[in-house]
Amino acid sequence: MAVVVLLGVLALVVFGCVCVVWAERGGPRWVRVVAAVTRGAGELLSALGTSGRGRGGSRTADDGGDD
């Protein structure tokens, strides 16, 4: 079941990226809407990722954590 969900998410990401490229070349209106949603989601995830790193984030082996 988890594989099906992950494949669905992957398909949505690929479709969104295709729409972004198509919209840059002047695609139809629905493509520009999907591209805008995709870009917005990307910016939101990017902002959430950087805010987590600003508070310390997770430790890695390079940080001197236990292996």
Protein backbone atom coordinates (compact mmCIF):
# COMPACT_ATOMS: atom_id res chain seq x y z
CA MET A 1 0.00 0.00 0.00
CA ALA A 2 2.83 2.39 0.86
CA VAL A 3 4.43 1.72 -2.51
CA VAL A 4 1.22 2.73 -4.29
CA VAL A 5 1.07 5.99 -2.31
CA LEU A 6 4.72 6.77 -3.03
CA LEU A 7 4.23 6.06 -6.74
CA GLY A 8 1.22 8.37 -6.74
CA VAL A 9 3.22 11.16 -5.11
CA LEU A 10 6.05 10.61 -7.59
CA ALA A 11 3.60 10.78 -10.50
CA LEU A 12 2.19 14.07 -9.17
CA VAL A 13 5.67 15.55 -8.81
CA VAL A 14 6.66 14.54 -12.33
CA PHE A 15 3.37 15.87 -13.74
CA GLY A 16 3.89 19.16 -11.90
CA CYS A 17 7.43 19.53 -13.26
CA VAL A 18 6.21 18.82 -16.80
CA CYS A 19 3.54 21.49 -16.37
CA VAL A 20 6.11 24.02 -15.16
CA VAL A 21 8.24 23.47 -18.26
CA TRP A 22 5.19 23.53 -20.54
CA ALA A 23 3.88 26.73 -18.91
CA GLU A 24 7.23 28.44 -19.52
CA ARG A 25 6.74 27.72 -23.22
CA GLY A 26 3.22 29.18 -23.22
CA GLY A 27 0.92 26.26 -22.51
CA PRO A 28 -2.83 26.46 -21.95
CA ARG A 29 -4.33 28.12 -18.89
CA TRP A 30 -4.82 24.92 -16.87
CA VAL A 31 -1.12 24.12 -17.31
CA ARG A 32 -0.17 27.56 -15.98
CA VAL A 33 -2.44 26.98 -12.96
CA VAL A 34 -0.88 23.58 -12.22
CA ALA A 35 2.59 25.12 -12.67
CA ALA A 36 1.76 27.90 -10.20
CA VAL A 37 0.52 25.37 -7.64
CA THR A 38 3.65 23.27 -8.15
CA ARG A 39 5.94 26.27 -7.70
CA GLY A 40 4.02 27.36 -4.61
CA ALA A 41 4.30 23.90 -3.07
CA GLY A 42 8.01 23.86 -3.82
CA GLU A 43 8.55 27.23 -2.19
CA LEU A 44 6.52 26.15 0.84
CA LEU A 45 8.53 22.96 1.26
CA SER A 46 11.75 24.88 0.80
CA ALA A 47 10.75 27.39 3.48
CA LEU A 48 9.78 24.61 5.86
CA GLY A 49 13.09 22.84 5.23
CA THR A 50 15.23 25.89 5.90
CA SER A 51 13.32 26.83 9.05
CA GLY A 52 14.03 23.37 10.46
CA ARG A 53 17.75 23.72 9.76
CA GLY A 54 17.87 27.12 11.42
CA ARG A 55 16.90 25.57 14.76
CA GLY A 56 19.63 22.97 14.71
CA GLY A 57 18.07 20.35 12.45
CA SER A 58 19.11 16.72 12.71
CA ARG A 59 22.53 15.47 13.70
CA THR A 60 24.73 13.66 11.23
CA ALA A 61 27.91 11.65 11.61
CA ASP A 62 29.88 14.79 10.68
CA ASP A 63 28.42 16.59 13.72
CA GLY A 64 30.19 14.23 16.07
CA GLY A 65 27.15 12.09 16.77
CA ASP A 66 27.34 8.44 17.70
CA ASP A 67 27.65 6.06 14.75
